[in-house]
Amino acid sequence: MLNLIFVFAIIISFVFYFYFKTKQFRSPLPIAKNWYKSKANIGLGSLILSFALNQAYLFPSLFTFIIVAILAALGILVIVENIKKARHYGQFVEEEFRINQ
């Protein structure tokens, strides 16, 4: 059952990443592009973290736990950094939309 939860989280993270990455490419506004890029990278970080936890559940060995620790740290770092960026750019996105309409 836990494996299904991890697989579901991996799929949702990939969809989240793909959705915001396409929004980034389609947006003509530079701040909005950076905002969508940050949101897409949050999805990428959660994908890495979910994948690492799934691997730890499927293959419990010392070598796997070392790799999982590295991937989990990387995933958490990517998520935290891009949440900060998304909050920063989010302050200016509405103003940019309003100015460019």
PDB file of N, CA and C in Angstrom:
ATOM      1  N   MET A   1       0.827  -1.197   0.000  1.00  0.00           N
ATOM      2  CA  MET A   1       0.000   0.000   0.000  1.00  0.00           C
ATOM      3  C   MET A   1       0.873   1.264   0.000  1.00  0.00           C
ATOM      4  N   LEU A   2       1.937   1.253   0.788  1.00  0.00           N
ATOM      5  CA  LEU A   2       2.821   2.413   0.854  1.00  0.00           C
ATOM      6  C   LEU A   2       3.497   2.657  -0.488  1.00  0.00           C
ATOM      7  N   ASN A   3       3.816   1.582  -1.197  1.00  0.00           N
ATOM      8  CA  ASN A   3       4.419   1.713  -2.515  1.00  0.00           C
ATOM      9  C   ASN A   3       3.472   2.444  -3.469  1.00  0.00           C
ATOM     10  N   LEU A   4       2.190   2.153  -3.408  1.00  0.00           N
ATOM     11  CA  LEU A   4       1.209   2.824  -4.261  1.00  0.00           C
ATOM     12  C   LEU A   4       1.128   4.319  -3.950  1.00  0.00           C
ATOM     13  N   ILE A   5       1.255   4.661  -2.686  1.00  0.00           N
ATOM     14  CA  ILE A   5       1.250   6.073  -2.298  1.00  0.00           C
ATOM     15  C   ILE A   5       2.464   6.786  -2.894  1.00  0.00           C
ATOM     16  N   PHE A   6       3.628   6.146  -2.823  1.00  0.00           N
ATOM     17  CA  PHE A   6       4.836   6.743  -3.397  1.00  0.00           C
ATOM     18  C   PHE A   6       4.722   6.876  -4.917  1.00  0.00           C
ATOM     19  N   VAL A   7       4.183   5.866  -5.575  1.00  0.00           N
ATOM     20  CA  VAL A   7       4.014   5.921  -7.029  1.00  0.00           C
ATOM     21  C   VAL A   7       3.037   7.034  -7.398  1.00  0.00           C
ATOM     22  N   PHE A   8       1.955   7.156  -6.637  1.00  0.00           N
ATOM     23  CA  PHE A   8       0.994   8.234  -6.866  1.00  0.00           C
ATOM     24  C   PHE A   8       1.661   9.594  -6.683  1.00  0.00           C
ATOM     25  N   ALA A   9       2.488   9.732  -5.657  1.00  0.00           N
ATOM     26  CA  ALA A   9       3.203  10.992  -5.420  1.00  0.00           C
ATOM     27  C   ALA A   9       4.184  11.290  -6.551  1.00  0.00           C
ATOM     28  N   ILE A  10       4.838  10.266  -7.081  1.00  0.00           N
ATOM     29  CA  ILE A  10       5.758  10.454  -8.205  1.00  0.00           C
ATOM     30  C   ILE A  10       5.000  10.945  -9.429  1.00  0.00           C
ATOM     31  N   ILE A  11       3.860  10.339  -9.712  1.00  0.00           N
ATOM     32  CA  ILE A  11       3.070  10.731 -10.882  1.00  0.00           C
ATOM     33  C   ILE A  11       2.542  12.154 -10.734  1.00  0.00           C
ATOM     34  N   ILE A  12       2.002  12.482  -9.560  1.00  0.00           N
ATOM     35  CA  ILE A  12       1.475  13.827  -9.327  1.00  0.00           C
ATOM     36  C   ILE A  12       2.593  14.866  -9.423  1.00  0.00           C
ATOM     37  N   SER A  13       3.766  14.544  -8.894  1.00  0.00           N
ATOM     38  CA  SER A  13       4.910  15.465  -8.973  1.00  0.00           C
ATOM     39  C   SER A  13       5.325  15.700 -10.415  1.00  0.00           C
ATOM     40  N   PHE A  14       5.333  14.639 -11.221  1.00  0.00           N
ATOM     41  CA  PHE A  14       5.705  14.791 -12.622  1.00  0.00           C
ATOM     42  C   PHE A  14       4.680  15.639 -13.363  1.00  0.00           C
ATOM     43  N   VAL A  15       3.408  15.416 -13.101  1.00  0.00           N
ATOM     44  CA  VAL A  15       2.357  16.214 -13.747  1.00  0.00           C
ATOM     45  C   VAL A  15       2.488  17.678 -13.348  1.00  0.00           C
ATOM     46  N   PHE A  16       2.727  17.932 -12.061  1.00  0.00           N
ATOM     47  CA  PHE A  16       2.936  19.285 -11.550  1.00  0.00           C
ATOM     48  C   PHE A  16       4.120  19.932 -12.262  1.00  0.00           C
ATOM     49  N   TYR A  17       5.230  19.208 -12.385  1.00  0.00           N
ATOM     50  CA  TYR A  17       6.423  19.713 -13.063  1.00  0.00           C
ATOM     51  C   TYR A  17       6.122  20.029 -14.529  1.00  0.00           C
ATOM     52  N   PHE A  18       5.509  19.092 -15.217  1.00  0.00           N
ATOM     53  CA  PHE A  18       5.231  19.258 -16.642  1.00  0.00           C
ATOM     54  C   PHE A  18       4.266  20.411 -16.895  1.00  0.00           C
ATOM     55  N   TYR A  19       3.238  20.557 -16.060  1.00  0.00           N
ATOM     56  CA  TYR A  19       2.258  21.629 -16.214  1.00  0.00           C
ATOM     57  C   TYR A  19       2.914  23.003 -16.109  1.00  0.00           C
ATOM     58  N   PHE A  20       3.697  23.210 -15.055  1.00  0.00           N
ATOM     59  CA  PHE A  20       4.315  24.524 -14.870  1.00  0.00           C
ATOM     60  C   PHE A  20       5.469  24.772 -15.839  1.00  0.00           C
ATOM     61  N   LYS A  21       6.125  23.721 -16.307  1.00  0.00           N
ATOM     62  CA  LYS A  21       7.182  23.905 -17.299  1.00  0.00           C
ATOM     63  C   LYS A  21       6.574  24.365 -18.621  1.00  0.00           C
ATOM     64  N   THR A  22       5.434  23.815 -19.004  1.00  0.00           N
ATOM     65  CA  THR A  22       4.789  24.279 -20.228  1.00  0.00           C
ATOM     66  C   THR A  22       4.248  25.695 -20.056  1.00  0.00           C
ATOM     67  N   LYS A  23       3.743  26.030 -18.871  1.00  0.00           N
ATOM     68  CA  LYS A  23       3.306  27.399 -18.608  1.00  0.00           C
ATOM     69  C   LYS A  23       4.492  28.362 -18.715  1.00  0.00           C
ATOM     70  N   GLN A  24       5.661  27.925 -18.255  1.00  0.00           N
ATOM     71  CA  GLN A  24       6.864  28.758 -18.341  1.00  0.00           C
ATOM     72  C   GLN A  24       7.209  29.043 -19.803  1.00  0.00           C
ATOM     73  N   PHE A  25       7.187  28.031 -20.644  1.00  0.00           N
ATOM     74  CA  PHE A  25       7.540  28.223 -22.047  1.00  0.00           C
ATOM     75  C   PHE A  25       6.521  29.075 -22.792  1.00  0.00           C
ATOM     76  N   ARG A  26       5.271  29.023 -22.384  1.00  0.00           N
ATOM     77  CA  ARG A  26       4.225  29.755 -23.090  1.00  0.00           C
ATOM     78  C   ARG A  26       4.057  31.187 -22.611  1.00  0.00           C
ATOM     79  N   SER A  27       4.619  31.533 -21.487  1.00  0.00           N
ATOM     80  CA  SER A  27       4.457  32.877 -20.944  1.00  0.00           C
ATOM     81  C   SER A  27       5.432  33.850 -21.606  1.00  0.00           C
ATOM     82  N   PRO A  28       4.937  35.011 -22.057  1.00  0.00           N
ATOM     83  CA  PRO A  28       5.835  35.992 -22.665  1.00  0.00           C
ATOM     84  C   PRO A  28       6.471  36.939 -21.635  1.00  0.00           C
ATOM     85  N   LEU A  29       6.002  36.905 -20.402  1.00  0.00           N
ATOM     86  CA  LEU A  29       6.450  37.857 -19.387  1.00  0.00           C
ATOM     87  C   LEU A  29       7.615  37.282 -18.580  1.00  0.00           C
ATOM     88  N   PRO A  30       8.687  38.040 -18.383  1.00  0.00           N
ATOM     89  CA  PRO A  30       9.896  37.489 -17.737  1.00  0.00           C
ATOM     90  C   PRO A  30       9.711  37.108 -16.268  1.00  0.00           C
ATOM     91  N   ILE A  31       9.000  37.910 -15.498  1.00  0.00           N
ATOM     92  CA  ILE A  31       8.819  37.558 -14.081  1.00  0.00           C
ATOM     93  C   ILE A  31       7.899  36.354 -13.957  1.00  0.00           C
ATOM     94  N   ALA A  32       6.874  36.296 -14.795  1.00  0.00           N
ATOM     95  CA  ALA A  32       5.983  35.135 -14.783  1.00  0.00           C
ATOM     96  C   ALA A  32       6.743  33.870 -15.176  1.00  0.00           C
ATOM     97  N   LYS A  33       7.665  33.993 -16.135  1.00  0.00           N
ATOM     98  CA  LYS A  33       8.481  32.837 -16.519  1.00  0.00           C
ATOM     99  C   LYS A  33       9.288  32.318 -15.324  1.00  0.00           C
ATOM    100  N   ASN A  34       9.901  33.239 -14.589  1.00  0.00           N
ATOM    101  CA  ASN A  34      10.684  32.835 -13.421  1.00  0.00           C
ATOM    102  C   ASN A  34       9.791  32.233 -12.340  1.00  0.00           C
ATOM    103  N   TRP A  35       8.591  32.769 -12.182  1.00  0.00           N
ATOM    104  CA  TRP A  35       7.648  32.241 -11.195  1.00  0.00           C
ATOM    105  C   TRP A  35       7.230  30.815 -11.562  1.00  0.00           C
ATOM    106  N   TYR A  36       6.886  30.601 -12.837  1.00  0.00           N
ATOM    107  CA  TYR A  36       6.510  29.261 -13.293  1.00  0.00           C
ATOM    108  C   TYR A  36       7.697  28.300 -13.204  1.00  0.00           C
ATOM    109  N   LYS A  37       8.882  28.800 -13.481  1.00  0.00           N
ATOM    110  CA  LYS A  37      10.083  27.960 -13.380  1.00  0.00           C
ATOM    111  C   LYS A  37      10.294  27.502 -11.938  1.00  0.00           C
ATOM    112  N   SER A  38      10.095  28.406 -10.987  1.00  0.00           N
ATOM    113  CA  SER A  38      10.243  28.050  -9.576  1.00  0.00           C
ATOM    114  C   SER A  38       9.199  27.019  -9.166  1.00  0.00           C
ATOM    115  N   LYS A  39       7.965  27.201  -9.630  1.00  0.00           N
ATOM    116  CA  LYS A  39       6.915  26.242  -9.300  1.00  0.00           C
ATOM    117  C   LYS A  39       7.192  24.878  -9.942  1.00  0.00           C
ATOM    118  N   ALA A  40       7.716  24.885 -11.160  1.00  0.00           N
ATOM    119  CA  ALA A  40       8.064  23.622 -11.811  1.00  0.00           C
ATOM    120  C   ALA A  40       9.188  22.915 -11.060  1.00  0.00           C
ATOM    121  N   ASN A  41      10.140  23.677 -10.565  1.00  0.00           N
ATOM    122  CA  ASN A  41      11.250  23.075  -9.826  1.00  0.00           C
ATOM    123  C   ASN A  41      10.809  22.539  -8.467  1.00  0.00           C
ATOM    124  N   ILE A  42       9.752  23.089  -7.890  1.00  0.00           N
ATOM    125  CA  ILE A  42       9.185  22.509  -6.672  1.00  0.00           C
ATOM    126  C   ILE A  42       8.654  21.113  -6.997  1.00  0.00           C
ATOM    127  N   GLY A  43       7.989  20.986  -8.138  1.00  0.00           N
ATOM    128  CA  GLY A  43       7.519  19.670  -8.586  1.00  0.00           C
ATOM    129  C   GLY A  43       8.664  18.711  -8.836  1.00  0.00           C
ATOM    130  N   LEU A  44       9.749  19.217  -9.411  1.00  0.00           N
ATOM    131  CA  LEU A  44      10.921  18.377  -9.658  1.00  0.00           C
ATOM    132  C   LEU A  44      11.548  17.903  -8.351  1.00  0.00           C
ATOM    133  N   GLY A  45      11.647  18.811  -7.379  1.00  0.00           N
ATOM    134  CA  GLY A  45      12.191  18.427  -6.072  1.00  0.00           C
ATOM    135  C   GLY A  45      11.329  17.386  -5.382  1.00  0.00           C
ATOM    136  N   SER A  46      10.017  17.535  -5.470  1.00  0.00           N
ATOM    137  CA  SER A  46       9.142  16.540  -4.851  1.00  0.00           C
ATOM    138  C   SER A  46       9.194  15.216  -5.608  1.00  0.00           C
ATOM    139  N   LEU A  47       9.438  15.275  -6.913  1.00  0.00           N
ATOM    140  CA  LEU A  47       9.631  14.044  -7.687  1.00  0.00           C
ATOM    141  C   LEU A  47      10.879  13.307  -7.218  1.00  0.00           C
ATOM    142  N   ILE A  48      11.966  14.022  -7.034  1.00  0.00           N
ATOM    143  CA  ILE A  48      13.214  13.416  -6.556  1.00  0.00           C
ATOM    144  C   ILE A  48      13.022  12.828  -5.159  1.00  0.00           C
ATOM    145  N   LEU A  49      12.365  13.580  -4.280  1.00  0.00           N
ATOM    146  CA  LEU A  49      12.140  13.106  -2.915  1.00  0.00           C
ATOM    147  C   LEU A  49      11.236  11.878  -2.893  1.00  0.00           C
ATOM    148  N   SER A  50      10.154  11.894  -3.663  1.00  0.00           N
ATOM    149  CA  SER A  50       9.242  10.748  -3.711  1.00  0.00           C
ATOM    150  C   SER A  50       9.932   9.515  -4.280  1.00  0.00           C
ATOM    151  N   PHE A  51      10.737   9.720  -5.321  1.00  0.00           N
ATOM    152  CA  PHE A  51      11.471   8.603  -5.907  1.00  0.00           C
ATOM    153  C   PHE A  51      12.444   8.009  -4.896  1.00  0.00           C
ATOM    154  N   ALA A  52      13.132   8.861  -4.156  1.00  0.00           N
ATOM    155  CA  ALA A  52      14.096   8.376  -3.158  1.00  0.00           C
ATOM    156  C   ALA A  52      13.390   7.568  -2.074  1.00  0.00           C
ATOM    157  N   LEU A  53      12.271   8.070  -1.587  1.00  0.00           N
ATOM    158  CA  LEU A  53      11.541   7.333  -0.545  1.00  0.00           C
ATOM    159  C   LEU A  53      10.985   6.014  -1.070  1.00  0.00           C
ATOM    160  N   ASN A  54      10.558   6.007  -2.327  1.00  0.00           N
ATOM    161  CA  ASN A  54      10.064   4.770  -2.927  1.00  0.00           C
ATOM    162  C   ASN A  54      11.180   3.737  -3.041  1.00  0.00           C
ATOM    163  N   GLN A  55      12.367   4.174  -3.430  1.00  0.00           N
ATOM    164  CA  GLN A  55      13.487   3.249  -3.533  1.00  0.00           C
ATOM    165  C   GLN A  55      13.903   2.702  -2.170  1.00  0.00           C
ATOM    166  N   ALA A  56      13.831   3.541  -1.142  1.00  0.00           N
ATOM    167  CA  ALA A  56      14.155   3.074   0.209  1.00  0.00           C
ATOM    168  C   ALA A  56      13.166   2.017   0.663  1.00  0.00           C
ATOM    169  N   TYR A  57      11.916   2.186   0.268  1.00  0.00           N
ATOM    170  CA  TYR A  57      10.891   1.205   0.644  1.00  0.00           C
ATOM    171  C   TYR A  57      11.051  -0.102  -0.136  1.00  0.00           C
ATOM    172  N   LEU A  58      11.389  -0.010  -1.412  1.00  0.00           N
ATOM    173  CA  LEU A  58      11.481  -1.209  -2.253  1.00  0.00           C
ATOM    174  C   LEU A  58      12.756  -2.015  -2.026  1.00  0.00           C
ATOM    175  N   PHE A  59      13.873  -1.329  -1.809  1.00  0.00           N
ATOM    176  CA  PHE A  59      15.169  -2.000  -1.710  1.00  0.00           C
ATOM    177  C   PHE A  59      15.883  -1.586  -0.425  1.00  0.00           C
ATOM    178  N   PRO A  60      15.483  -2.145   0.713  1.00  0.00           N
ATOM    179  CA  PRO A  60      16.107  -1.741   1.984  1.00  0.00           C
ATOM    180  C   PRO A  60      17.498  -2.377   2.184  1.00  0.00           C
ATOM    181  N   SER A  61      18.518  -1.649   1.795  1.00  0.00           N
ATOM    182  CA  SER A  61      19.895  -2.074   2.032  1.00  0.00           C
ATOM    183  C   SER A  61      20.719  -0.834   2.385  1.00  0.00           C
ATOM    184  N   LEU A  62      21.902  -1.054   2.886  1.00  0.00           N
ATOM    185  CA  LEU A  62      22.749   0.056   3.297  1.00  0.00           C
ATOM    186  C   LEU A  62      23.111   0.962   2.119  1.00  0.00           C
ATOM    187  N   PHE A  63      23.483   0.358   0.998  1.00  0.00           N
ATOM    188  CA  PHE A  63      23.844   1.146  -0.185  1.00  0.00           C
ATOM    189  C   PHE A  63      22.667   1.990  -0.658  1.00  0.00           C
ATOM    190  N   THR A  64      21.476   1.398  -0.661  1.00  0.00           N
ATOM    191  CA  THR A  64      20.278   2.135  -1.069  1.00  0.00           C
ATOM    192  C   THR A  64      20.009   3.293  -0.126  1.00  0.00           C
ATOM    193  N   PHE A  65      20.177   3.085   1.161  1.00  0.00           N
ATOM    194  CA  PHE A  65      19.922   4.159   2.124  1.00  0.00           C
ATOM    195  C   PHE A  65      20.919   5.309   1.981  1.00  0.00           C
ATOM    196  N   ILE A  66      22.138   5.012   1.575  1.00  0.00           N
ATOM    197  CA  ILE A  66      23.116   6.076   1.338  1.00  0.00           C
ATOM    198  C   ILE A  66      22.676   6.920   0.135  1.00  0.00           C
ATOM    199  N   ILE A  67      22.302   6.249  -0.939  1.00  0.00           N
ATOM    200  CA  ILE A  67      21.827   6.957  -2.137  1.00  0.00           C
ATOM    201  C   ILE A  67      20.543   7.718  -1.833  1.00  0.00           C
ATOM    202  N   VAL A  68      19.637   7.095  -1.072  1.00  0.00           N
ATOM    203  CA  VAL A  68      18.368   7.747  -0.710  1.00  0.00           C
ATOM    204  C   VAL A  68      18.624   8.995   0.125  1.00  0.00           C
ATOM    205  N   ALA A  69      19.582   8.937   1.027  1.00  0.00           N
ATOM    206  CA  ALA A  69      19.894  10.107   1.848  1.00  0.00           C
ATOM    207  C   ALA A  69      20.387  11.266   0.978  1.00  0.00           C
ATOM    208  N   ILE A  70      21.206  10.955  -0.013  1.00  0.00           N
ATOM    209  CA  ILE A  70      21.696  12.003  -0.919  1.00  0.00           C
ATOM    210  C   ILE A  70      20.546  12.573  -1.749  1.00  0.00           C
ATOM    211  N   LEU A  71      19.717  11.692  -2.320  1.00  0.00           N
ATOM    212  CA  LEU A  71      18.598  12.156  -3.132  1.00  0.00           C
ATOM    213  C   LEU A  71      17.567  12.921  -2.303  1.00  0.00           C
ATOM    214  N   ALA A  72      17.292  12.448  -1.090  1.00  0.00           N
ATOM    215  CA  ALA A  72      16.324  13.131  -0.232  1.00  0.00           C
ATOM    216  C   ALA A  72      16.827  14.518   0.153  1.00  0.00           C
ATOM    217  N   ALA A  73      18.116  14.623   0.467  1.00  0.00           N
ATOM    218  CA  ALA A  73      18.686  15.936   0.798  1.00  0.00           C
ATOM    219  C   ALA A  73      18.614  16.867  -0.416  1.00  0.00           C
ATOM    220  N   LEU A  74      18.922  16.343  -1.593  1.00  0.00           N
ATOM    221  CA  LEU A  74      18.841  17.139  -2.814  1.00  0.00           C
ATOM    222  C   LEU A  74      17.405  17.577  -3.088  1.00  0.00           C
ATOM    223  N   GLY A  75      16.458  16.657  -2.944  1.00  0.00           N
ATOM    224  CA  GLY A  75      15.051  16.974  -3.177  1.00  0.00           C
ATOM    225  C   GLY A  75      14.544  18.035  -2.215  1.00  0.00           C
ATOM    226  N   ILE A  76      14.871  17.901  -0.943  1.00  0.00           N
ATOM    227  CA  ILE A  76      14.441  18.884   0.051  1.00  0.00           C
ATOM    228  C   ILE A  76      15.082  20.234  -0.224  1.00  0.00           C
ATOM    229  N   LEU A  77      16.360  20.232  -0.590  1.00  0.00           N
ATOM    230  CA  LEU A  77      17.059  21.483  -0.912  1.00  0.00           C
ATOM    231  C   LEU A  77      16.408  22.188  -2.101  1.00  0.00           C
ATOM    232  N   VAL A  78      16.079  21.443  -3.141  1.00  0.00           N
ATOM    233  CA  VAL A  78      15.436  22.015  -4.328  1.00  0.00           C
ATOM    234  C   VAL A  78      14.056  22.568  -3.964  1.00  0.00           C
ATOM    235  N   ILE A  79      13.294  21.843  -3.168  1.00  0.00           N
ATOM    236  CA  ILE A  79      11.956  22.294  -2.776  1.00  0.00           C
ATOM    237  C   ILE A  79      12.036  23.585  -1.971  1.00  0.00           C
ATOM    238  N   VAL A  80      12.879  23.604  -0.960  1.00  0.00           N
ATOM    239  CA  VAL A  80      12.971  24.774  -0.074  1.00  0.00           C
ATOM    240  C   VAL A  80      13.451  26.003  -0.844  1.00  0.00           C
ATOM    241  N   GLU A  81      14.482  25.833  -1.651  1.00  0.00           N
ATOM    242  CA  GLU A  81      15.028  26.968  -2.396  1.00  0.00           C
ATOM    243  C   GLU A  81      14.000  27.546  -3.362  1.00  0.00           C
ATOM    244  N   ASN A  82      13.254  26.685  -4.029  1.00  0.00           N
ATOM    245  CA  ASN A  82      12.303  27.173  -5.016  1.00  0.00           C
ATOM    246  C   ASN A  82      11.006  27.668  -4.396  1.00  0.00           C
ATOM    247  N   ILE A  83      10.673  27.244  -3.202  1.00  0.00           N
ATOM    248  CA  ILE A  83       9.545  27.860  -2.496  1.00  0.00           C
ATOM    249  C   ILE A  83       9.877  29.311  -2.187  1.00  0.00           C
ATOM    250  N   LYS A  84      11.117  29.557  -1.768  1.00  0.00           N
ATOM    251  CA  LYS A  84      11.551  30.936  -1.512  1.00  0.00           C
ATOM    252  C   LYS A  84      11.478  31.774  -2.793  1.00  0.00           C
ATOM    253  N   LYS A  85      11.953  31.215  -3.903  1.00  0.00           N
ATOM    254  CA  LYS A  85      11.923  31.940  -5.176  1.00  0.00           C
ATOM    255  C   LYS A  85      10.493  32.197  -5.635  1.00  0.00           C
ATOM    256  N   ALA A  86       9.624  31.198  -5.499  1.00  0.00           N
ATOM    257  CA  ALA A  86       8.229  31.362  -5.933  1.00  0.00           C
ATOM    258  C   ALA A  86       7.530  32.436  -5.102  1.00  0.00           C
ATOM    259  N   ARG A  87       7.794  32.481  -3.808  1.00  0.00           N
ATOM    260  CA  ARG A  87       7.212  33.532  -2.977  1.00  0.00           C
ATOM    261  C   ARG A  87       7.718  34.911  -3.393  1.00  0.00           C
ATOM    262  N   HIS A  88       9.005  34.993  -3.701  1.00  0.00           N
ATOM    263  CA  HIS A  88       9.577  36.275  -4.108  1.00  0.00           C
ATOM    264  C   HIS A  88       8.963  36.751  -5.428  1.00  0.00           C
ATOM    265  N   TYR A  89       8.959  35.894  -6.449  1.00  0.00           N
ATOM    266  CA  TYR A  89       8.418  36.288  -7.744  1.00  0.00           C
ATOM    267  C   TYR A  89       6.902  36.457  -7.698  1.00  0.00           C
ATOM    268  N   GLY A  90       6.245  35.716  -6.814  1.00  0.00           N
ATOM    269  CA  GLY A  90       4.792  35.814  -6.705  1.00  0.00           C
ATOM    270  C   GLY A  90       4.314  37.200  -6.317  1.00  0.00           C
ATOM    271  N   GLN A  91       5.143  37.946  -5.623  1.00  0.00           N
ATOM    272  CA  GLN A  91       4.787  39.308  -5.232  1.00  0.00           C
ATOM    273  C   GLN A  91       4.640  40.220  -6.446  1.00  0.00           C
ATOM    274  N   PHE A  92       5.372  39.937  -7.508  1.00  0.00           N
ATOM    275  CA  PHE A  92       5.433  40.836  -8.656  1.00  0.00           C
ATOM    276  C   PHE A  92       4.639  40.345  -9.864  1.00  0.00           C
ATOM    277  N   VAL A  93       4.153  39.113  -9.822  1.00  0.00           N
ATOM    278  CA  VAL A  93       3.483  38.541 -10.987  1.00  0.00           C
ATOM    279  C   VAL A  93       2.176  39.268 -11.290  1.00  0.00           C
ATOM    280  N   GLU A  94       1.373  39.506 -10.276  1.00  0.00           N
ATOM    281  CA  GLU A  94       0.087  40.173 -10.499  1.00  0.00           C
ATOM    282  C   GLU A  94       0.300  41.575 -11.081  1.00  0.00           C
ATOM    283  N   GLU A  95       1.278  42.284 -10.561  1.00  0.00           N
ATOM    284  CA  GLU A  95       1.581  43.614 -11.078  1.00  0.00           C
ATOM    285  C   GLU A  95       2.056  43.545 -12.525  1.00  0.00           C
ATOM    286  N   GLU A  96       2.877  42.551 -12.841  1.00  0.00           N
ATOM    287  CA  GLU A  96       3.361  42.405 -14.214  1.00  0.00           C
ATOM    288  C   GLU A  96       2.214  42.092 -15.176  1.00  0.00           C
ATOM    289  N   PHE A  97       1.291  41.220 -14.759  1.00  0.00           N
ATOM    290  CA  PHE A  97       0.127  40.927 -15.587  1.00  0.00           C
ATOM    291  C   PHE A  97      -0.710  42.183 -15.822  1.00  0.00           C
ATOM    292  N   ARG A  98      -0.899  42.953 -14.759  1.00  0.00           N
ATOM    293  CA  ARG A  98      -1.725  44.167 -14.842  1.00  0.00           C
ATOM    294  C   ARG A  98      -1.071  45.196 -15.772  1.00  0.00           C
ATOM    295  N   ILE A  99       0.229  45.370 -15.677  1.00  0.00           N
ATOM    296  CA  ILE A  99       0.938  46.347 -16.503  1.00  0.00           C
ATOM    297  C   ILE A  99       0.926  45.955 -17.971  1.00  0.00           C
ATOM    298  N   ASN A 100       1.051  44.680 -18.265  1.00  0.00           N
ATOM    299  CA  ASN A 100       1.202  44.221 -19.648  1.00  0.00           C
ATOM    300  C   ASN A 100      -0.096  43.849 -20.336  1.00  0.00           C
ATOM    301  N   GLN A 101      -1.210  44.220 -19.765  1.00  0.00           N
ATOM    302  CA  GLN A 101      -2.485  43.908 -20.444  1.00  0.00           C
ATOM    303  C   GLN A 101      -2.957  45.029 -21.288  1.00  0.00           C
TER     304      GLN A 101
END
